Amino acid sequence: MPGRFPHPTAHAAGHSFVAPGQPHHRAAFVPAERWRESEDYLYGCDLYNYGYWWEAHEAWEGLWQVTDKRGVQGRFLQCLIQVAACHMKLFEEKREGVRSLLASSDGHARFVVGELVATRVFMGLAFAEWRVAVAEYYSRRAAVAQSGHDASTYPYVQLTA
């Protein structure tokens, strides 16, 4: 968590820090239809589902960096990244950050959903349904003014086989 622990990759005390001069992991581009082959994507999904939002953000951002950021895959990844960051802001009780990130992620989500006319699943995720679950989760959290994580209603990333 920001402010409690060092940045996982940028700070020397971070658990995934790579010293200058040492080889860094660099995400490889994997086309959306081959998502099962992307260790970075799958790792990000696992991290997100276990509440390691910062780390999920980092894993997905590596992929985002090598995609067409204006295309469906880039916007999809940007939405995932922003929702992960939103969970961090909720945990940190930074309501304005939550609001801002939800609004921004929603813009990316609308673009992606609009492009998914033939299918409801993108990169293994029933994306439109997941976005509804995200919106409902945050609506419930706001209604009761809760900032903590609620595992029973959390919008997990559940990938299809």
Protein backbone atom coordinates (compact mmCIF):
# COMPACT_ATOMS: atom_id res chain seq x y z
CA MET A 1 0.00 0.00 0.00
CA PRO A 2 1.29 3.46 -0.85
CA GLY A 3 2.55 5.31 2.17
CA ARG A 4 2.85 2.11 4.21
CA PHE A 5 5.28 0.11 2.15
CA PRO A 6 7.92 1.02 -0.43
CA HIS A 7 6.95 1.00 -4.11
CA PRO A 8 7.27 -2.64 -5.21
CA THR A 9 9.45 -1.93 -8.25
CA ALA A 10 10.77 1.65 -7.99
CA HIS A 11 12.13 1.66 -4.42
CA ALA A 12 15.25 -0.26 -3.38
CA ALA A 13 13.30 -1.82 -0.49
CA GLY A 14 10.42 -2.86 -2.77
CA HIS A 15 9.81 -6.59 -3.02
CA SER A 16 10.19 -6.55 -6.84
CA PHE A 17 12.94 -3.96 -7.13
CA VAL A 18 15.60 -4.57 -9.77
CA ALA A 19 18.87 -2.76 -9.18
CA PRO A 20 20.21 -0.44 -11.87
CA GLY A 21 22.21 -2.35 -14.44
CA GLN A 22 20.32 -5.57 -13.77
CA PRO A 23 17.93 -6.96 -16.40
CA HIS A 24 14.32 -5.82 -15.93
CA HIS A 25 11.32 -7.92 -16.77
CA ARG A 26 9.65 -6.46 -19.81
CA ALA A 27 6.15 -7.52 -20.73
CA ALA A 28 5.80 -9.06 -24.16
CA PHE A 29 2.95 -8.05 -26.41
CA VAL A 30 0.38 -10.81 -26.67
CA PRO A 31 -2.64 -10.33 -28.94
CA ALA A 32 -5.93 -10.24 -27.04
CA GLU A 33 -7.14 -13.53 -28.52
CA ARG A 34 -4.03 -15.26 -27.12
CA TRP A 35 -4.55 -13.94 -23.57
CA ARG A 36 -4.01 -17.40 -22.06
CA GLU A 37 -0.35 -17.14 -23.16
CA SER A 38 0.25 -13.87 -21.32
CA GLU A 39 1.86 -14.62 -17.98
CA ASP A 40 1.80 -10.91 -17.14
CA TYR A 41 -1.96 -10.64 -17.73
CA LEU A 42 -2.75 -13.79 -15.76
CA TYR A 43 -0.41 -12.77 -12.95
CA GLY A 44 -2.09 -9.34 -12.80
CA CYS A 45 -5.49 -11.04 -12.56
CA ASP A 46 -4.31 -13.22 -9.67
CA LEU A 47 -2.75 -10.26 -7.88
CA TYR A 48 -5.95 -8.24 -8.28
CA ASN A 49 -8.13 -11.08 -7.01
CA TYR A 50 -5.97 -11.45 -3.89
CA GLY A 51 -6.05 -7.73 -3.14
CA TYR A 52 -2.54 -6.88 -4.33
CA TRP A 53 -3.85 -3.91 -6.30
CA TRP A 54 -0.58 -2.01 -6.60
CA GLU A 55 1.19 -5.06 -7.93
CA ALA A 56 -1.69 -5.89 -10.29
CA HIS A 57 -1.53 -2.31 -11.54
CA GLU A 58 2.21 -2.75 -12.23
CA ALA A 59 1.73 -6.10 -14.01
CA TRP A 60 -1.03 -4.78 -16.25
CA GLU A 61 0.76 -1.50 -16.91
CA GLY A 62 3.68 -3.39 -18.40
CA LEU A 63 1.26 -4.94 -20.90
CA TRP A 64 -0.49 -1.64 -21.51
CA GLN A 65 2.86 -0.08 -22.42
CA VAL A 66 3.26 -2.50 -25.34
CA THR A 67 -0.29 -2.28 -26.72
CA ASP A 68 -2.09 0.23 -28.92
CA LYS A 69 -3.30 2.47 -26.09
CA ARG A 70 -6.20 3.79 -28.19
CA GLY A 71 -7.36 0.34 -29.25
CA VAL A 72 -9.68 -2.07 -27.47
CA GLN A 73 -6.91 -4.00 -25.73
CA GLY A 74 -5.17 -0.84 -24.53
CA ARG A 75 -8.39 0.69 -23.24
CA PHE A 76 -9.37 -2.63 -21.61
CA LEU A 77 -6.04 -2.80 -19.76
CA GLN A 78 -6.28 0.87 -18.79
CA CYS A 79 -9.69 0.18 -17.24
CA LEU A 80 -8.30 -2.75 -15.23
CA ILE A 81 -5.36 -0.62 -14.09
CA GLN A 82 -7.60 2.22 -12.96
CA VAL A 83 -9.99 -0.08 -11.11
CA ALA A 84 -7.03 -1.64 -9.27
CA ALA A 85 -5.87 1.87 -8.34
CA CYS A 86 -9.42 2.69 -7.27
CA HIS A 87 -9.36 -0.18 -4.78
CA MET A 88 -6.13 1.23 -3.34
CA LYS A 89 -7.74 4.66 -2.97
CA LEU A 90 -10.77 3.13 -1.25
CA PHE A 91 -8.47 1.29 1.16
CA GLU A 92 -6.58 4.55 1.81
CA GLU A 93 -9.92 6.34 2.38
CA LYS A 94 -9.23 8.81 -0.43
CA ARG A 95 -12.79 9.31 -1.66
CA GLU A 96 -11.92 11.90 -4.33
CA GLY A 97 -9.36 9.51 -5.82
CA VAL A 98 -12.00 6.78 -5.91
CA ARG A 99 -14.49 9.05 -7.66
CA SER A 100 -11.96 10.30 -10.20
CA LEU A 101 -10.59 6.86 -11.04
CA LEU A 102 -14.07 5.35 -11.36
CA ALA A 103 -15.10 8.09 -13.77
CA SER A 104 -11.97 7.68 -15.87
CA SER A 105 -12.18 3.88 -15.90
CA ASP A 106 -15.83 4.15 -16.94
CA GLY A 107 -14.85 6.09 -20.05
CA HIS A 108 -12.48 3.31 -21.08
CA ALA A 109 -15.10 0.68 -20.22
CA ARG A 110 -17.77 2.32 -22.40
CA PHE A 111 -15.35 2.32 -25.33
CA VAL A 112 -14.50 -1.37 -24.84
CA VAL A 113 -18.12 -2.47 -24.39
CA GLY A 114 -19.07 -0.51 -27.51
CA GLU A 115 -16.45 -2.41 -29.50
CA LEU A 116 -17.49 -5.83 -28.19
CA VAL A 117 -20.57 -6.20 -30.34
CA ALA A 118 -19.97 -9.81 -31.39
CA THR A 119 -18.81 -11.12 -28.03
CA ARG A 120 -19.34 -10.32 -24.38
CA VAL A 121 -15.97 -11.75 -23.34
CA PHE A 122 -12.64 -10.03 -23.88
CA MET A 123 -9.33 -11.56 -22.82
CA GLY A 124 -11.28 -14.19 -20.90
CA LEU A 125 -13.33 -11.70 -18.88
CA ALA A 126 -17.08 -11.12 -19.23
CA PHE A 127 -16.21 -7.45 -19.28
CA ALA A 128 -19.61 -5.73 -19.33
CA GLU A 129 -20.81 -7.86 -16.41
CA TRP A 130 -17.58 -7.20 -14.50
CA ARG A 131 -18.01 -3.45 -14.97
CA VAL A 132 -21.55 -3.68 -13.58
CA ALA A 133 -20.15 -5.56 -10.57
CA VAL A 134 -17.51 -2.84 -10.09
CA ALA A 135 -20.16 -0.10 -10.21
CA GLU A 136 -22.42 -1.94 -7.77
CA TYR A 137 -19.52 -2.60 -5.40
CA TYR A 138 -18.63 1.07 -5.22
CA SER A 139 -22.26 2.14 -4.99
CA ARG A 140 -22.69 -0.10 -1.93
CA ARG A 141 -19.43 1.12 -0.38
CA ALA A 142 -20.51 4.76 -0.85
CA ALA A 143 -24.02 4.12 0.50
CA VAL A 144 -22.66 2.89 3.81
CA ALA A 145 -19.62 5.20 3.80
CA GLN A 146 -17.28 2.23 4.10
CA SER A 147 -13.73 2.35 2.90
CA GLY A 148 -12.58 -1.18 3.64
CA HIS A 149 -12.49 -4.13 1.31
CA ASP A 150 -15.53 -6.42 1.30
CA ALA A 151 -14.48 -9.83 -0.02
CA SER A 152 -18.09 -11.07 -0.20
CA THR A 153 -19.12 -8.48 -2.81
CA TYR A 154 -15.74 -7.71 -4.39
CA PRO A 155 -15.73 -7.65 -8.21
CA TYR A 156 -13.27 -10.49 -8.81
CA VAL A 157 -11.75 -11.00 -12.26
CA GLN A 158 -13.14 -14.40 -13.19
CA LEU A 159 -11.67 -15.66 -16.44
CA THR A 160 -13.35 -18.16 -18.72
CA ALA A 161 -11.66 -21.43 -19.55
